Amino acid sequence: KPTIWTEAWSGWFDEFGGPVHHRP
C-alpha cells in the first residue's frame, strides 16, 4: 500500500474565547 497523508494540518481551528492559531 502507498504512504498517504490525508490531513497535513496547515494550522488549526479557532474556538470562541481561545487565541488564533498559526503554523509557520
PDB file of all heavy atoms in Angstrom:
ATOM      1  N   LYS A   1       0.835  -1.196   0.000  1.00  0.00           N
ATOM      2  CA  LYS A   1       0.000   0.000   0.000  1.00  0.00           C
ATOM      3  C   LYS A   1       0.873   1.252   0.000  1.00  0.00           C
ATOM      4  O   LYS A   1       1.912   1.286   0.660  1.00  0.00           O
ATOM      5  CB  LYS A   1      -0.921   0.010   1.223  1.00  0.00           C
ATOM      6  CG  LYS A   1      -1.950  -1.119   1.233  1.00  0.00           C
ATOM      7  CD  LYS A   1      -2.831  -1.068   2.482  1.00  0.00           C
ATOM      8  CE  LYS A   1      -3.827  -2.219   2.500  1.00  0.00           C
ATOM      9  NZ  LYS A   1      -4.680  -2.203   3.722  1.00  0.00           N
ATOM     10  N   PRO A   2       0.454   2.308  -0.696  1.00  0.00           N
ATOM     11  CA  PRO A   2       1.230   3.551  -0.716  1.00  0.00           C
ATOM     12  C   PRO A   2       1.089   4.312   0.601  1.00  0.00           C
ATOM     13  O   PRO A   2       0.148   4.112   1.368  1.00  0.00           O
ATOM     14  CB  PRO A   2       0.611   4.329  -1.880  1.00  0.00           C
ATOM     15  CG  PRO A   2      -0.807   3.856  -1.922  1.00  0.00           C
ATOM     16  CD  PRO A   2      -0.771   2.403  -1.522  1.00  0.00           C
ATOM     17  N   THR A   3       2.038   5.207   0.847  1.00  0.00           N
ATOM     18  CA  THR A   3       2.055   6.021   2.058  1.00  0.00           C
ATOM     19  C   THR A   3       1.383   7.356   1.763  1.00  0.00           C
ATOM     20  O   THR A   3       1.913   8.170   1.001  1.00  0.00           O
ATOM     21  CB  THR A   3       3.503   6.226   2.536  1.00  0.00           C
ATOM     22  OG1 THR A   3       4.117   4.940   2.714  1.00  0.00           O
ATOM     23  CG2 THR A   3       3.542   6.976   3.845  1.00  0.00           C
ATOM     24  N   ILE A   4       0.204   7.565   2.367  1.00  0.00           N
ATOM     25  CA  ILE A   4      -0.651   8.714   2.050  1.00  0.00           C
ATOM     26  C   ILE A   4      -0.931   9.505   3.327  1.00  0.00           C
ATOM     27  O   ILE A   4      -1.242   8.940   4.373  1.00  0.00           O
ATOM     28  CB  ILE A   4      -1.971   8.251   1.396  1.00  0.00           C
ATOM     29  CG1 ILE A   4      -1.685   7.619   0.024  1.00  0.00           C
ATOM     30  CG2 ILE A   4      -2.954   9.407   1.257  1.00  0.00           C
ATOM     31  CD1 ILE A   4      -2.920   7.043  -0.658  1.00  0.00           C
ATOM     32  N   TRP A   5      -0.824  10.822   3.201  1.00  0.00           N
ATOM     33  CA  TRP A   5      -1.083  11.750   4.304  1.00  0.00           C
ATOM     34  C   TRP A   5      -2.352  12.510   3.954  1.00  0.00           C
ATOM     35  O   TRP A   5      -2.330  13.467   3.181  1.00  0.00           O
ATOM     36  CB  TRP A   5       0.104  12.691   4.446  1.00  0.00           C
ATOM     37  CG  TRP A   5       0.148  13.538   5.671  1.00  0.00           C
ATOM     38  CD1 TRP A   5      -0.772  13.652   6.655  1.00  0.00           C
ATOM     39  CD2 TRP A   5       1.225  14.421   6.027  1.00  0.00           C
ATOM     40  NE1 TRP A   5      -0.356  14.538   7.609  1.00  0.00           N
ATOM     41  CE2 TRP A   5       0.865  15.021   7.262  1.00  0.00           C
ATOM     42  CE3 TRP A   5       2.444  14.764   5.436  1.00  0.00           C
ATOM     43  CZ2 TRP A   5       1.694  15.954   7.892  1.00  0.00           C
ATOM     44  CZ3 TRP A   5       3.259  15.681   6.070  1.00  0.00           C
ATOM     45  CH2 TRP A   5       2.900  16.264   7.290  1.00  0.00           C
ATOM     46  N   THR A   6      -3.496  12.102   4.519  1.00  0.00           N
ATOM     47  CA  THR A   6      -4.777  12.697   4.129  1.00  0.00           C
ATOM     48  C   THR A   6      -5.032  14.057   4.770  1.00  0.00           C
ATOM     49  O   THR A   6      -5.837  14.834   4.266  1.00  0.00           O
ATOM     50  CB  THR A   6      -5.954  11.766   4.490  1.00  0.00           C
ATOM     51  OG1 THR A   6      -5.640  11.032   5.668  1.00  0.00           O
ATOM     52  CG2 THR A   6      -6.244  10.795   3.367  1.00  0.00           C
ATOM     53  N   GLU A   7      -4.384  14.327   5.909  1.00  0.00           N
ATOM     54  CA  GLU A   7      -4.552  15.643   6.541  1.00  0.00           C
ATOM     55  C   GLU A   7      -3.219  16.120   7.089  1.00  0.00           C
ATOM     56  O   GLU A   7      -2.815  15.718   8.187  1.00  0.00           O
ATOM     57  CB  GLU A   7      -5.592  15.601   7.669  1.00  0.00           C
ATOM     58  CG  GLU A   7      -7.017  15.390   7.199  1.00  0.00           C
ATOM     59  CD  GLU A   7      -8.031  15.533   8.324  1.00  0.00           C
ATOM     60  OE1 GLU A   7      -7.673  16.083   9.396  1.00  0.00           O
ATOM     61  OE2 GLU A   7      -9.184  15.089   8.134  1.00  0.00           O
ATOM     62  N   ALA A   8      -2.526  16.953   6.318  1.00  0.00           N
ATOM     63  CA  ALA A   8      -1.356  17.679   6.814  1.00  0.00           C
ATOM     64  C   ALA A   8      -1.876  19.012   7.310  1.00  0.00           C
ATOM     65  O   ALA A   8      -2.218  19.889   6.513  1.00  0.00           O
ATOM     66  CB  ALA A   8      -0.323  17.860   5.708  1.00  0.00           C
ATOM     67  N   TRP A   9      -1.949  19.171   8.618  1.00  0.00           N
ATOM     68  CA  TRP A   9      -2.644  20.323   9.190  1.00  0.00           C
ATOM     69  C   TRP A   9      -1.847  21.597   8.964  1.00  0.00           C
ATOM     70  O   TRP A   9      -0.749  21.777   9.502  1.00  0.00           O
ATOM     71  CB  TRP A   9      -2.902  20.072  10.671  1.00  0.00           C
ATOM     72  CG  TRP A   9      -3.807  18.886  10.891  1.00  0.00           C
ATOM     73  CD1 TRP A   9      -4.768  18.424  10.045  1.00  0.00           C
ATOM     74  CD2 TRP A   9      -3.815  18.005  12.015  1.00  0.00           C
ATOM     75  NE1 TRP A   9      -5.396  17.311  10.564  1.00  0.00           N
ATOM     76  CE2 TRP A   9      -4.825  17.030  11.777  1.00  0.00           C
ATOM     77  CE3 TRP A   9      -3.087  17.937  13.204  1.00  0.00           C
ATOM     78  CZ2 TRP A   9      -5.107  16.007  12.691  1.00  0.00           C
ATOM     79  CZ3 TRP A   9      -3.370  16.914  14.113  1.00  0.00           C
ATOM     80  CH2 TRP A   9      -4.364  15.980  13.855  1.00  0.00           C
ATOM     81  N   SER A  10      -2.422  22.501   8.166  1.00  0.00           N
ATOM     82  CA  SER A  10      -1.734  23.743   7.804  1.00  0.00           C
ATOM     83  C   SER A  10      -1.802  24.779   8.921  1.00  0.00           C
ATOM     84  O   SER A  10      -1.106  25.788   8.881  1.00  0.00           O
ATOM     85  CB  SER A  10      -2.361  24.334   6.533  1.00  0.00           C
ATOM     86  OG  SER A  10      -3.729  24.629   6.742  1.00  0.00           O
ATOM     87  N   GLY A  11      -2.664  24.544   9.895  1.00  0.00           N
ATOM     88  CA  GLY A  11      -2.832  25.423  11.036  1.00  0.00           C
ATOM     89  C   GLY A  11      -3.721  24.714  12.024  1.00  0.00           C
ATOM     90  O   GLY A  11      -3.564  23.518  12.265  1.00  0.00           O
ATOM     91  N   TRP A  12      -4.690  25.442  12.561  1.00  0.00           N
ATOM     92  CA  TRP A  12      -5.631  24.826  13.498  1.00  0.00           C
ATOM     93  C   TRP A  12      -6.889  25.688  13.537  1.00  0.00           C
ATOM     94  O   TRP A  12      -6.857  26.869  13.201  1.00  0.00           O
ATOM     95  CB  TRP A  12      -5.016  24.715  14.889  1.00  0.00           C
ATOM     96  CG  TRP A  12      -5.679  23.718  15.799  1.00  0.00           C
ATOM     97  CD1 TRP A  12      -6.352  23.997  16.962  1.00  0.00           C
ATOM     98  CD2 TRP A  12      -5.740  22.299  15.631  1.00  0.00           C
ATOM     99  NE1 TRP A  12      -6.820  22.828  17.532  1.00  0.00           N
ATOM    100  CE2 TRP A  12      -6.459  21.768  16.737  1.00  0.00           C
ATOM    101  CE3 TRP A  12      -5.262  21.423  14.652  1.00  0.00           C
ATOM    102  CZ2 TRP A  12      -6.710  20.399  16.882  1.00  0.00           C
ATOM    103  CZ3 TRP A  12      -5.507  20.058  14.799  1.00  0.00           C
ATOM    104  CH2 TRP A  12      -6.222  19.567  15.902  1.00  0.00           C
ATOM    105  N   PHE A  13      -8.000  25.068  13.928  1.00  0.00           N
ATOM    106  CA  PHE A  13      -9.258  25.800  14.015  1.00  0.00           C
ATOM    107  C   PHE A  13      -9.283  26.657  15.284  1.00  0.00           C
ATOM    108  O   PHE A  13      -8.538  26.407  16.236  1.00  0.00           O
ATOM    109  CB  PHE A  13     -10.444  24.839  13.995  1.00  0.00           C
ATOM    110  CG  PHE A  13     -10.433  23.805  15.090  1.00  0.00           C
ATOM    111  CD1 PHE A  13     -10.964  24.085  16.344  1.00  0.00           C
ATOM    112  CD2 PHE A  13      -9.889  22.544  14.869  1.00  0.00           C
ATOM    113  CE1 PHE A  13     -10.950  23.147  17.362  1.00  0.00           C
ATOM    114  CE2 PHE A  13      -9.874  21.590  15.885  1.00  0.00           C
ATOM    115  CZ  PHE A  13     -10.403  21.890  17.133  1.00  0.00           C
ATOM    116  N   ASP A  14     -10.156  27.656  15.286  1.00  0.00           N
ATOM    117  CA  ASP A  14     -10.286  28.556  16.421  1.00  0.00           C
ATOM    118  C   ASP A  14     -11.599  28.304  17.148  1.00  0.00           C
ATOM    119  O   ASP A  14     -12.590  27.870  16.550  1.00  0.00           O
ATOM    120  CB  ASP A  14     -10.236  30.016  15.956  1.00  0.00           C
ATOM    121  CG  ASP A  14      -8.922  30.363  15.277  1.00  0.00           C
ATOM    122  OD1 ASP A  14      -7.891  29.789  15.673  1.00  0.00           O
ATOM    123  OD2 ASP A  14      -8.932  31.193  14.346  1.00  0.00           O
ATOM    124  N   GLU A  15     -11.594  28.582  18.430  1.00  0.00           N
ATOM    125  CA  GLU A  15     -12.790  28.446  19.253  1.00  0.00           C
ATOM    126  C   GLU A  15     -13.040  29.754  19.981  1.00  0.00           C
ATOM    127  O   GLU A  15     -12.097  30.463  20.343  1.00  0.00           O
ATOM    128  CB  GLU A  15     -12.614  27.306  20.251  1.00  0.00           C
ATOM    129  CG  GLU A  15     -11.431  27.507  21.178  1.00  0.00           C
ATOM    130  CD  GLU A  15     -11.035  26.248  21.915  1.00  0.00           C
ATOM    131  OE1 GLU A  15     -10.479  25.332  21.285  1.00  0.00           O
ATOM    132  OE2 GLU A  15     -11.285  26.205  23.129  1.00  0.00           O
ATOM    133  N   PHE A  16     -14.302  30.089  20.169  1.00  0.00           N
ATOM    134  CA  PHE A  16     -14.640  31.330  20.867  1.00  0.00           C
ATOM    135  C   PHE A  16     -14.018  31.330  22.263  1.00  0.00           C
ATOM    136  O   PHE A  16     -14.177  30.384  23.028  1.00  0.00           O
ATOM    137  CB  PHE A  16     -16.155  31.492  20.983  1.00  0.00           C
ATOM    138  CG  PHE A  16     -16.841  31.833  19.688  1.00  0.00           C
ATOM    139  CD1 PHE A  16     -17.748  30.960  19.108  1.00  0.00           C
ATOM    140  CD2 PHE A  16     -16.572  33.037  19.051  1.00  0.00           C
ATOM    141  CE1 PHE A  16     -18.392  31.281  17.920  1.00  0.00           C
ATOM    142  CE2 PHE A  16     -17.209  33.367  17.860  1.00  0.00           C
ATOM    143  CZ  PHE A  16     -18.118  32.487  17.293  1.00  0.00           C
ATOM    144  N   GLY A  17     -13.297  32.411  22.558  1.00  0.00           N
ATOM    145  CA  GLY A  17     -12.614  32.527  23.833  1.00  0.00           C
ATOM    146  C   GLY A  17     -11.185  32.032  23.811  1.00  0.00           C
ATOM    147  O   GLY A  17     -10.463  32.177  24.798  1.00  0.00           O
ATOM    148  N   GLY A  18     -10.773  31.467  22.690  1.00  0.00           N
ATOM    149  CA  GLY A  18      -9.399  30.998  22.544  1.00  0.00           C
ATOM    150  C   GLY A  18      -8.619  31.892  21.597  1.00  0.00           C
ATOM    151  O   GLY A  18      -9.185  32.744  20.914  1.00  0.00           O
ATOM    152  N   PRO A  19      -7.292  31.696  21.524  1.00  0.00           N
ATOM    153  CA  PRO A  19      -6.468  32.508  20.627  1.00  0.00           C
ATOM    154  C   PRO A  19      -6.590  32.039  19.184  1.00  0.00           C
ATOM    155  O   PRO A  19      -7.201  31.002  18.888  1.00  0.00           O
ATOM    156  CB  PRO A  19      -5.055  32.266  21.161  1.00  0.00           C
ATOM    157  CG  PRO A  19      -5.122  30.863  21.694  1.00  0.00           C
ATOM    158  CD  PRO A  19      -6.502  30.712  22.282  1.00  0.00           C
ATOM    159  N   VAL A  20      -6.011  32.818  18.279  1.00  0.00           N
ATOM    160  CA  VAL A  20      -5.935  32.455  16.865  1.00  0.00           C
ATOM    161  C   VAL A  20      -4.640  31.676  16.652  1.00  0.00           C
ATOM    162  O   VAL A  20      -3.578  32.057  17.154  1.00  0.00           O
ATOM    163  CB  VAL A  20      -5.970  33.708  15.973  1.00  0.00           C
ATOM    164  CG1 VAL A  20      -5.798  33.336  14.508  1.00  0.00           C
ATOM    165  CG2 VAL A  20      -7.289  34.454  16.184  1.00  0.00           C
ATOM    166  N   HIS A  21      -4.731  30.568  15.918  1.00  0.00           N
ATOM    167  CA  HIS A  21      -3.597  29.660  15.747  1.00  0.00           C
ATOM    168  C   HIS A  21      -2.894  29.904  14.417  1.00  0.00           C
ATOM    169  O   HIS A  21      -3.545  30.141  13.391  1.00  0.00           O
ATOM    170  CB  HIS A  21      -4.068  28.210  15.809  1.00  0.00           C
ATOM    171  CG  HIS A  21      -4.760  27.864  17.091  1.00  0.00           C
ATOM    172  ND1 HIS A  21      -4.093  27.503  18.229  1.00  0.00           N
ATOM    173  CD2 HIS A  21      -6.077  27.841  17.423  1.00  0.00           C
ATOM    174  CE1 HIS A  21      -4.949  27.261  19.210  1.00  0.00           C
ATOM    175  NE2 HIS A  21      -6.171  27.468  18.738  1.00  0.00           N
ATOM    176  N   HIS A  22      -1.577  29.820  14.437  1.00  0.00           N
ATOM    177  CA  HIS A  22      -0.763  29.958  13.226  1.00  0.00           C
ATOM    178  C   HIS A  22       0.270  28.836  13.201  1.00  0.00           C
ATOM    179  O   HIS A  22       0.809  28.461  14.241  1.00  0.00           O
ATOM    180  CB  HIS A  22      -0.044  31.310  13.202  1.00  0.00           C
ATOM    181  CG  HIS A  22      -0.953  32.485  13.354  1.00  0.00           C
ATOM    182  ND1 HIS A  22      -1.680  33.005  12.310  1.00  0.00           N
ATOM    183  CD2 HIS A  22      -1.275  33.233  14.437  1.00  0.00           C
ATOM    184  CE1 HIS A  22      -2.401  34.023  12.748  1.00  0.00           C
ATOM    185  NE2 HIS A  22      -2.174  34.182  14.032  1.00  0.00           N
ATOM    186  N   ARG A  23       0.538  28.329  12.007  1.00  0.00           N
ATOM    187  CA  ARG A  23       1.626  27.368  11.846  1.00  0.00           C
ATOM    188  C   ARG A  23       2.649  27.953  10.887  1.00  0.00           C
ATOM    189  O   ARG A  23       2.325  28.234   9.726  1.00  0.00           O
ATOM    190  CB  ARG A  23       1.132  26.028  11.312  1.00  0.00           C
ATOM    191  CG  ARG A  23       2.265  24.989  11.291  1.00  0.00           C
ATOM    192  CD  ARG A  23       1.828  23.615  10.837  1.00  0.00           C
ATOM    193  NE  ARG A  23       2.922  22.657  11.010  1.00  0.00           N
ATOM    194  CZ  ARG A  23       2.905  21.392  10.608  1.00  0.00           C
ATOM    195  NH1 ARG A  23       1.810  20.919  10.015  1.00  0.00           N
ATOM    196  NH2 ARG A  23       3.945  20.603  10.793  1.00  0.00           N
ATOM    197  N   PRO A  24       3.885  28.143  11.339  1.00  0.00           N
ATOM    198  CA  PRO A  24       4.906  28.708  10.445  1.00  0.00           C
ATOM    199  C   PRO A  24       5.091  27.842   9.203  1.00  0.00           C
ATOM    200  O   PRO A  24       5.139  26.614   9.286  1.00  0.00           O
ATOM    201  CB  PRO A  24       6.170  28.710  11.312  1.00  0.00           C
ATOM    202  CG  PRO A  24       5.675  28.703  12.718  1.00  0.00           C
ATOM    203  CD  PRO A  24       4.406  27.903  12.693  1.00  0.00           C
TER     204      PRO A  24
END
